Amino acid sequence: MVWLWLASVVDNDDDRRVCFENMLELNPSNQTARRQLQKLEQKALAEMMHPGRQKKPAPRWHRFFRLALMFIVAAAIFITVWWVFMA
């Protein structure tokens, strides 16, 4: 499941593809990863067919929000692990 979460926060499709492929190596029956990988392949094919149509990059605040969210999740995991093992 970590690979699926990581795929949702990385910035580019190449990194997403690696995340989904790693997830499928661990669990070949994971339909979510398989579906998302197929979507990425369809998107890559569509971009090859129509190279002029490209999506605008995410705004800066969006990237900052994702980074802040990753920090909050990492802090929550750290606190939980510390609380479980140190308490």
PDB file of N, CA and C in Angstrom:
ATOM      1  N   MET A   1       0.806  -1.198   0.000  1.00  0.00           N
ATOM      2  CA  MET A   1       0.000   0.000   0.000  1.00  0.00           C
ATOM      3  C   MET A   1       0.851   1.265   0.000  1.00  0.00           C
ATOM      4  N   VAL A   2       2.059   1.169   0.522  1.00  0.00           N
ATOM      5  CA  VAL A   2       2.933   2.336   0.539  1.00  0.00           C
ATOM      6  C   VAL A   2       3.261   2.764  -0.882  1.00  0.00           C
ATOM      7  N   TRP A   3       3.445   1.793  -1.775  1.00  0.00           N
ATOM      8  CA  TRP A   3       3.749   2.140  -3.165  1.00  0.00           C
ATOM      9  C   TRP A   3       2.601   2.906  -3.799  1.00  0.00           C
ATOM     10  N   LEU A   4       1.370   2.536  -3.480  1.00  0.00           N
ATOM     11  CA  LEU A   4       0.216   3.256  -4.035  1.00  0.00           C
ATOM     12  C   LEU A   4       0.159   4.671  -3.487  1.00  0.00           C
ATOM     13  N   TRP A   5       0.453   4.818  -2.207  1.00  0.00           N
ATOM     14  CA  TRP A   5       0.463   6.166  -1.624  1.00  0.00           C
ATOM     15  C   TRP A   5       1.559   7.001  -2.256  1.00  0.00           C
ATOM     16  N   LEU A   6       2.742   6.402  -2.405  1.00  0.00           N
ATOM     17  CA  LEU A   6       3.856   7.138  -2.988  1.00  0.00           C
ATOM     18  C   LEU A   6       3.533   7.564  -4.422  1.00  0.00           C
ATOM     19  N   ALA A   7       2.847   6.705  -5.156  1.00  0.00           N
ATOM     20  CA  ALA A   7       2.467   7.058  -6.527  1.00  0.00           C
ATOM     21  C   ALA A   7       1.544   8.272  -6.551  1.00  0.00           C
ATOM     22  N   SER A   8       0.792   8.476  -5.490  1.00  0.00           N
ATOM     23  CA  SER A   8      -0.124   9.609  -5.464  1.00  0.00           C
ATOM     24  C   SER A   8       0.565  10.930  -5.138  1.00  0.00           C
ATOM     25  N   VAL A   9       1.801  10.869  -4.642  1.00  0.00           N
ATOM     26  CA  VAL A   9       2.475  12.110  -4.268  1.00  0.00           C
ATOM     27  C   VAL A   9       3.684  12.458  -5.133  1.00  0.00           C
ATOM     28  N   VAL A  10       4.136  11.540  -5.979  1.00  0.00           N
ATOM     29  CA  VAL A  10       5.274  11.869  -6.838  1.00  0.00           C
ATOM     30  C   VAL A  10       4.836  12.812  -7.951  1.00  0.00           C
ATOM     31  N   ASP A  11       5.816  13.501  -8.557  1.00  0.00           N
ATOM     32  CA  ASP A  11       5.517  14.572  -9.508  1.00  0.00           C
ATOM     33  C   ASP A  11       5.379  14.143 -10.960  1.00  0.00           C
ATOM     34  N   ASN A  12       5.933  13.013 -11.341  1.00  0.00           N
ATOM     35  CA  ASN A  12       5.874  12.697 -12.766  1.00  0.00           C
ATOM     36  C   ASN A  12       5.418  11.264 -13.022  1.00  0.00           C
ATOM     37  N   ASP A  13       5.034  11.024 -14.251  1.00  0.00           N
ATOM     38  CA  ASP A  13       4.471   9.728 -14.618  1.00  0.00           C
ATOM     39  C   ASP A  13       5.505   8.606 -14.590  1.00  0.00           C
ATOM     40  N   ASP A  14       6.766   8.924 -14.857  1.00  0.00           N
ATOM     41  CA  ASP A  14       7.800   7.885 -14.804  1.00  0.00           C
ATOM     42  C   ASP A  14       7.934   7.325 -13.392  1.00  0.00           C
ATOM     43  N   ASP A  15       7.907   8.206 -12.404  1.00  0.00           N
ATOM     44  CA  ASP A  15       7.979   7.755 -11.008  1.00  0.00           C
ATOM     45  C   ASP A  15       6.717   6.985 -10.621  1.00  0.00           C
ATOM     46  N   ARG A  16       5.568   7.444 -11.098  1.00  0.00           N
ATOM     47  CA  ARG A  16       4.319   6.721 -10.821  1.00  0.00           C
ATOM     48  C   ARG A  16       4.370   5.314 -11.406  1.00  0.00           C
ATOM     49  N   ARG A  17       4.887   5.210 -12.619  1.00  0.00           N
ATOM     50  CA  ARG A  17       4.994   3.905 -13.278  1.00  0.00           C
ATOM     51  C   ARG A  17       5.855   2.953 -12.436  1.00  0.00           C
ATOM     52  N   VAL A  18       6.978   3.450 -11.923  1.00  0.00           N
ATOM     53  CA  VAL A  18       7.852   2.623 -11.083  1.00  0.00           C
ATOM     54  C   VAL A  18       7.113   2.169  -9.824  1.00  0.00           C
ATOM     55  N   CYS A  19       6.360   3.072  -9.225  1.00  0.00           N
ATOM     56  CA  CYS A  19       5.600   2.723  -8.011  1.00  0.00           C
ATOM     57  C   CYS A  19       4.581   1.619  -8.297  1.00  0.00           C
ATOM     58  N   PHE A  20       3.835   1.769  -9.385  1.00  0.00           N
ATOM     59  CA  PHE A  20       2.821   0.762  -9.717  1.00  0.00           C
ATOM     60  C   PHE A  20       3.464  -0.570 -10.094  1.00  0.00           C
ATOM     61  N   GLU A  21       4.589  -0.528 -10.791  1.00  0.00           N
ATOM     62  CA  GLU A  21       5.278  -1.772 -11.146  1.00  0.00           C
ATOM     63  C   GLU A  21       5.807  -2.470  -9.897  1.00  0.00           C
ATOM     64  N   ASN A  22       6.333  -1.697  -8.953  1.00  0.00           N
ATOM     65  CA  ASN A  22       6.804  -2.292  -7.691  1.00  0.00           C
ATOM     66  C   ASN A  22       5.650  -2.901  -6.916  1.00  0.00           C
ATOM     67  N   MET A  23       4.515  -2.226  -6.913  1.00  0.00           N
ATOM     68  CA  MET A  23       3.342  -2.759  -6.225  1.00  0.00           C
ATOM     69  C   MET A  23       2.910  -4.082  -6.850  1.00  0.00           C
ATOM     70  N   LEU A  24       2.940  -4.150  -8.180  1.00  0.00           N
ATOM     71  CA  LEU A  24       2.532  -5.383  -8.857  1.00  0.00           C
ATOM     72  C   LEU A  24       3.543  -6.513  -8.652  1.00  0.00           C
ATOM     73  N   GLU A  25       4.802  -6.167  -8.431  1.00  0.00           N
ATOM     74  CA  GLU A  25       5.779  -7.209  -8.109  1.00  0.00           C
ATOM     75  C   GLU A  25       5.474  -7.824  -6.751  1.00  0.00           C
ATOM     76  N   LEU A  26       5.066  -6.976  -5.807  1.00  0.00           N
ATOM     77  CA  LEU A  26       4.736  -7.469  -4.464  1.00  0.00           C
ATOM     78  C   LEU A  26       3.396  -8.188  -4.429  1.00  0.00           C
ATOM     79  N   ASN A  27       2.440  -7.662  -5.198  1.00  0.00           N
ATOM     80  CA  ASN A  27       1.088  -8.228  -5.199  1.00  0.00           C
ATOM     81  C   ASN A  27       0.537  -8.190  -6.624  1.00  0.00           C
ATOM     82  N   PRO A  28       0.792  -9.243  -7.412  1.00  0.00           N
ATOM     83  CA  PRO A  28       0.369  -9.244  -8.819  1.00  0.00           C
ATOM     84  C   PRO A  28      -1.142  -9.150  -9.015  1.00  0.00           C
ATOM     85  N   SER A  29      -1.914  -9.432  -7.996  1.00  0.00           N
ATOM     86  CA  SER A  29      -3.372  -9.378  -8.150  1.00  0.00           C
ATOM     87  C   SER A  29      -3.971  -8.032  -7.757  1.00  0.00           C
ATOM     88  N   ASN A  30      -3.143  -7.022  -7.481  1.00  0.00           N
ATOM     89  CA  ASN A  30      -3.644  -5.716  -7.082  1.00  0.00           C
ATOM     90  C   ASN A  30      -4.253  -4.997  -8.290  1.00  0.00           C
ATOM     91  N   GLN A  31      -5.562  -4.901  -8.300  1.00  0.00           N
ATOM     92  CA  GLN A  31      -6.282  -4.326  -9.437  1.00  0.00           C
ATOM     93  C   GLN A  31      -6.083  -2.817  -9.549  1.00  0.00           C
ATOM     94  N   THR A  32      -5.953  -2.143  -8.425  1.00  0.00           N
ATOM     95  CA  THR A  32      -5.759  -0.692  -8.460  1.00  0.00           C
ATOM     96  C   THR A  32      -4.461  -0.341  -9.173  1.00  0.00           C
ATOM     97  N   ALA A  33      -3.386  -1.002  -8.795  1.00  0.00           N
ATOM     98  CA  ALA A  33      -2.090  -0.729  -9.432  1.00  0.00           C
ATOM     99  C   ALA A  33      -2.135  -1.090 -10.911  1.00  0.00           C
ATOM    100  N   ARG A  34      -2.769  -2.200 -11.235  1.00  0.00           N
ATOM    101  CA  ARG A  34      -2.872  -2.625 -12.634  1.00  0.00           C
ATOM    102  C   ARG A  34      -3.662  -1.607 -13.462  1.00  0.00           C
ATOM    103  N   ARG A  35      -4.774  -1.141 -12.897  1.00  0.00           N
ATOM    104  CA  ARG A  35      -5.620  -0.150 -13.592  1.00  0.00           C
ATOM    105  C   ARG A  35      -4.867   1.168 -13.800  1.00  0.00           C
ATOM    106  N   GLN A  36      -4.171   1.623 -12.764  1.00  0.00           N
ATOM    107  CA  GLN A  36      -3.438   2.882 -12.867  1.00  0.00           C
ATOM    108  C   GLN A  36      -2.285   2.771 -13.865  1.00  0.00           C
ATOM    109  N   LEU A  37      -1.638   1.620 -13.906  1.00  0.00           N
ATOM    110  CA  LEU A  37      -0.564   1.405 -14.872  1.00  0.00           C
ATOM    111  C   LEU A  37      -1.117   1.427 -16.302  1.00  0.00           C
ATOM    112  N   GLN A  38      -2.295   0.846 -16.492  1.00  0.00           N
ATOM    113  CA  GLN A  38      -2.929   0.888 -17.814  1.00  0.00           C
ATOM    114  C   GLN A  38      -3.287   2.325 -18.200  1.00  0.00           C
ATOM    115  N   LYS A  39      -3.766   3.111 -17.236  1.00  0.00           N
ATOM    116  CA  LYS A  39      -4.078   4.516 -17.515  1.00  0.00           C
ATOM    117  C   LYS A  39      -2.836   5.291 -17.931  1.00  0.00           C
ATOM    118  N   LEU A  40      -1.712   5.020 -17.246  1.00  0.00           N
ATOM    119  CA  LEU A  40      -0.466   5.689 -17.612  1.00  0.00           C
ATOM    120  C   LEU A  40      -0.030   5.303 -19.026  1.00  0.00           C
ATOM    121  N   GLU A  41      -0.212   4.034 -19.377  1.00  0.00           N
ATOM    122  CA  GLU A  41       0.150   3.595 -20.729  1.00  0.00           C
ATOM    123  C   GLU A  41      -0.740   4.257 -21.773  1.00  0.00           C
ATOM    124  N   GLN A  42      -2.033   4.366 -21.477  1.00  0.00           N
ATOM    125  CA  GLN A  42      -2.953   5.039 -22.403  1.00  0.00           C
ATOM    126  C   GLN A  42      -2.589   6.518 -22.538  1.00  0.00           C
ATOM    127  N   LYS A  43      -2.236   7.144 -21.431  1.00  0.00           N
ATOM    128  CA  LYS A  43      -1.856   8.552 -21.462  1.00  0.00           C
ATOM    129  C   LYS A  43      -0.591   8.758 -22.290  1.00  0.00           C
ATOM    130  N   ALA A  44       0.398   7.868 -22.116  1.00  0.00           N
ATOM    131  CA  ALA A  44       1.640   7.970 -22.884  1.00  0.00           C
ATOM    132  C   ALA A  44       1.359   7.781 -24.371  1.00  0.00           C
ATOM    133  N   LEU A  45       0.475   6.857 -24.693  1.00  0.00           N
ATOM    134  CA  LEU A  45       0.117   6.630 -26.093  1.00  0.00           C
ATOM    135  C   LEU A  45      -0.593   7.851 -26.672  1.00  0.00           C
ATOM    136  N   ALA A  46      -1.501   8.450 -25.904  1.00  0.00           N
ATOM    137  CA  ALA A  46      -2.225   9.640 -26.369  1.00  0.00           C
ATOM    138  C   ALA A  46      -1.259  10.815 -26.567  1.00  0.00           C
ATOM    139  N   GLU A  47      -0.269  10.944 -25.696  1.00  0.00           N
ATOM    140  CA  GLU A  47       0.714  12.023 -25.843  1.00  0.00           C
ATOM    141  C   GLU A  47       1.587  11.812 -27.078  1.00  0.00           C
ATOM    142  N   MET A  48       1.861  10.548 -27.405  1.00  0.00           N
ATOM    143  CA  MET A  48       2.631  10.276 -28.620  1.00  0.00           C
ATOM    144  C   MET A  48       1.803  10.586 -29.868  1.00  0.00           C
ATOM    145  N   MET A  49       0.510  10.322 -29.785  1.00  0.00           N
ATOM    146  CA  MET A  49      -0.372  10.562 -30.933  1.00  0.00           C
ATOM    147  C   MET A  49      -0.630  12.056 -31.132  1.00  0.00           C
ATOM    148  N   HIS A  50      -0.718  12.817 -30.047  1.00  0.00           N
ATOM    149  CA  HIS A  50      -1.003  14.254 -30.088  1.00  0.00           C
ATOM    150  C   HIS A  50       0.032  15.000 -29.253  1.00  0.00           C
ATOM    151  N   PRO A  51       1.236  15.198 -29.777  1.00  0.00           N
ATOM    152  CA  PRO A  51       2.303  15.801 -28.960  1.00  0.00           C
ATOM    153  C   PRO A  51       2.055  17.261 -28.581  1.00  0.00           C
ATOM    154  N   GLY A  52       1.179  17.969 -29.297  1.00  0.00           N
ATOM    155  CA  GLY A  52       0.930  19.373 -28.989  1.00  0.00           C
ATOM    156  C   GLY A  52       0.069  19.575 -27.758  1.00  0.00           C
ATOM    157  N   ARG A  53      -0.720  18.582 -27.402  1.00  0.00           N
ATOM    158  CA  ARG A  53      -1.625  18.687 -26.242  1.00  0.00           C
ATOM    159  C   ARG A  53      -0.928  18.168 -25.003  1.00  0.00           C
ATOM    160  N   GLN A  54      -0.453  19.061 -24.188  1.00  0.00           N
ATOM    161  CA  GLN A  54       0.173  18.647 -22.950  1.00  0.00           C
ATOM    162  C   GLN A  54      -0.485  19.367 -21.786  1.00  0.00           C
ATOM    163  N   LYS A  55      -0.591  18.650 -20.701  1.00  0.00           N
ATOM    164  CA  LYS A  55      -1.214  19.194 -19.505  1.00  0.00           C
ATOM    165  C   LYS A  55      -0.285  20.219 -18.848  1.00  0.00           C
ATOM    166  N   LYS A  56      -0.874  21.280 -18.317  1.00  0.00           N
ATOM    167  CA  LYS A  56      -0.091  22.284 -17.597  1.00  0.00           C
ATOM    168  C   LYS A  56       0.463  21.665 -16.307  1.00  0.00           C
ATOM    169  N   PRO A  57       1.661  22.085 -15.895  1.00  0.00           N
ATOM    170  CA  PRO A  57       2.187  21.572 -14.624  1.00  0.00           C
ATOM    171  C   PRO A  57       1.344  22.067 -13.449  1.00  0.00           C
ATOM    172  N   ALA A  58       1.409  21.317 -12.374  1.00  0.00           N
ATOM    173  CA  ALA A  58       0.657  21.688 -11.176  1.00  0.00           C
ATOM    174  C   ALA A  58       1.169  23.023 -10.638  1.00  0.00           C
ATOM    175  N   PRO A  59       0.271  23.861 -10.107  1.00  0.00           N
ATOM    176  CA  PRO A  59       0.716  25.135  -9.530  1.00  0.00           C
ATOM    177  C   PRO A  59       1.637  24.905  -8.334  1.00  0.00           C
ATOM    178  N   ARG A  60       2.431  25.913  -8.022  1.00  0.00           N
ATOM    179  CA  ARG A  60       3.398  25.784  -6.934  1.00  0.00           C
ATOM    180  C   ARG A  60       2.730  25.458  -5.601  1.00  0.00           C
ATOM    181  N   TRP A  61       1.582  26.077  -5.332  1.00  0.00           N
ATOM    182  CA  TRP A  61       0.929  25.831  -4.048  1.00  0.00           C
ATOM    183  C   TRP A  61       0.505  24.373  -3.941  1.00  0.00           C
ATOM    184  N   HIS A  62       0.170  23.755  -5.068  1.00  0.00           N
ATOM    185  CA  HIS A  62      -0.244  22.352  -5.058  1.00  0.00           C
ATOM    186  C   HIS A  62       0.932  21.466  -4.660  1.00  0.00           C
ATOM    187  N   ARG A  63       2.117  21.755  -5.211  1.00  0.00           N
ATOM    188  CA  ARG A  63       3.302  20.986  -4.862  1.00  0.00           C
ATOM    189  C   ARG A  63       3.668  21.208  -3.399  1.00  0.00           C
ATOM    190  N   PHE A  64       3.533  22.443  -2.910  1.00  0.00           N
ATOM    191  CA  PHE A  64       3.806  22.735  -1.504  1.00  0.00           C
ATOM    192  C   PHE A  64       2.835  21.977  -0.601  1.00  0.00           C
ATOM    193  N   PHE A  65       1.561  21.944  -0.985  1.00  0.00           N
ATOM    194  CA  PHE A  65       0.556  21.243  -0.187  1.00  0.00           C
ATOM    195  C   PHE A  65       0.882  19.756  -0.092  1.00  0.00           C
ATOM    196  N   ARG A  66       1.287  19.151  -1.201  1.00  0.00           N
ATOM    197  CA  ARG A  66       1.629  17.727  -1.177  1.00  0.00           C
ATOM    198  C   ARG A  66       2.847  17.476  -0.293  1.00  0.00           C
ATOM    199  N   LEU A  67       3.833  18.363  -0.365  1.00  0.00           N
ATOM    200  CA  LEU A  67       5.020  18.219   0.475  1.00  0.00           C
ATOM    201  C   LEU A  67       4.653  18.354   1.953  1.00  0.00           C
ATOM    202  N   ALA A  68       3.800  19.321   2.272  1.00  0.00           N
ATOM    203  CA  ALA A  68       3.350  19.502   3.656  1.00  0.00           C
ATOM    204  C   ALA A  68       2.582  18.275   4.134  1.00  0.00           C
ATOM    205  N   LEU A  69       1.756  17.711   3.266  1.00  0.00           N
ATOM    206  CA  LEU A  69       0.996  16.516   3.623  1.00  0.00           C
ATOM    207  C   LEU A  69       1.934  15.337   3.888  1.00  0.00           C
ATOM    208  N   MET A  70       2.965  15.189   3.063  1.00  0.00           N
ATOM    209  CA  MET A  70       3.942  14.116   3.290  1.00  0.00           C
ATOM    210  C   MET A  70       4.633  14.302   4.628  1.00  0.00           C
ATOM    211  N   PHE A  71       4.970  15.550   4.972  1.00  0.00           N
ATOM    212  CA  PHE A  71       5.613  15.823   6.249  1.00  0.00           C
ATOM    213  C   PHE A  71       4.693  15.459   7.413  1.00  0.00           C
ATOM    214  N   ILE A  72       3.431  15.828   7.319  1.00  0.00           N
ATOM    215  CA  ILE A  72       2.470  15.534   8.391  1.00  0.00           C
ATOM    216  C   ILE A  72       2.307  14.033   8.568  1.00  0.00           C
ATOM    217  N   VAL A  73       2.199  13.305   7.462  1.00  0.00           N
ATOM    218  CA  VAL A  73       2.047  11.852   7.545  1.00  0.00           C
ATOM    219  C   VAL A  73       3.300  11.219   8.149  1.00  0.00           C
ATOM    220  N   ALA A  74       4.480  11.675   7.715  1.00  0.00           N
ATOM    221  CA  ALA A  74       5.721  11.133   8.267  1.00  0.00           C
ATOM    222  C   ALA A  74       5.821  11.422   9.765  1.00  0.00           C
ATOM    223  N   ALA A  75       5.434  12.621  10.180  1.00  0.00           N
ATOM    224  CA  ALA A  75       5.469  12.965  11.602  1.00  0.00           C
ATOM    225  C   ALA A  75       4.491  12.095  12.389  1.00  0.00           C
ATOM    226  N   ALA A  76       3.313  11.859  11.839  1.00  0.00           N
ATOM    227  CA  ALA A  76       2.326  11.020  12.523  1.00  0.00           C
ATOM    228  C   ALA A  76       2.840   9.590  12.681  1.00  0.00           C
ATOM    229  N   ILE A  77       3.483   9.077  11.643  1.00  0.00           N
ATOM    230  CA  ILE A  77       4.042   7.724  11.721  1.00  0.00           C
ATOM    231  C   ILE A  77       5.148   7.678  12.765  1.00  0.00           C
ATOM    232  N   PHE A  78       6.026   8.673  12.744  1.00  0.00           N
ATOM    233  CA  PHE A  78       7.121   8.716  13.718  1.00  0.00           C
ATOM    234  C   PHE A  78       6.578   8.761  15.141  1.00  0.00           C
ATOM    235  N   ILE A  79       5.609   9.619  15.396  1.00  0.00           N
ATOM    236  CA  ILE A  79       5.046   9.754  16.746  1.00  0.00           C
ATOM    237  C   ILE A  79       4.383   8.454  17.174  1.00  0.00           C
ATOM    238  N   THR A  80       3.659   7.827  16.263  1.00  0.00           N
ATOM    239  CA  THR A  80       2.992   6.564  16.592  1.00  0.00           C
ATOM    240  C   THR A  80       4.006   5.483  16.934  1.00  0.00           C
ATOM    241  N   VAL A  81       5.033   5.353  16.106  1.00  0.00           N
ATOM    242  CA  VAL A  81       6.062   4.339  16.369  1.00  0.00           C
ATOM    243  C   VAL A  81       6.780   4.645  17.673  1.00  0.00           C
ATOM    244  N   TRP A  82       7.132   5.903  17.911  1.00  0.00           N
ATOM    245  CA  TRP A  82       7.791   6.271  19.161  1.00  0.00           C
ATOM    246  C   TRP A  82       6.904   5.949  20.354  1.00  0.00           C
ATOM    247  N   TRP A  83       5.629   6.261  20.251  1.00  0.00           N
ATOM    248  CA  TRP A  83       4.699   6.045  21.352  1.00  0.00           C
ATOM    249  C   TRP A  83       4.543   4.553  21.647  1.00  0.00           C
ATOM    250  N   VAL A  84       4.479   3.729  20.597  1.00  0.00           N
ATOM    251  CA  VAL A  84       4.305   2.292  20.774  1.00  0.00           C
ATOM    252  C   VAL A  84       5.549   1.663  21.373  1.00  0.00           C
ATOM    253  N   PHE A  85       6.728   2.023  20.896  1.00  0.00           N
ATOM    254  CA  PHE A  85       7.942   1.370  21.350  1.00  0.00           C
ATOM    255  C   PHE A  85       8.590   2.009  22.566  1.00  0.00           C
ATOM    256  N   MET A  86       8.324   3.266  22.821  1.00  0.00           N
ATOM    257  CA  MET A  86       8.959   3.926  23.959  1.00  0.00           C
ATOM    258  C   MET A  86       8.053   4.049  25.178  1.00  0.00           C
ATOM    259  N   ALA A  87       6.776   3.905  24.976  1.00  0.00           N
ATOM    260  CA  ALA A  87       5.856   4.070  26.110  1.00  0.00           C
ATOM    261  C   ALA A  87       5.771   2.825  26.948  1.00  0.00           C
TER     262      ALA A  87
END
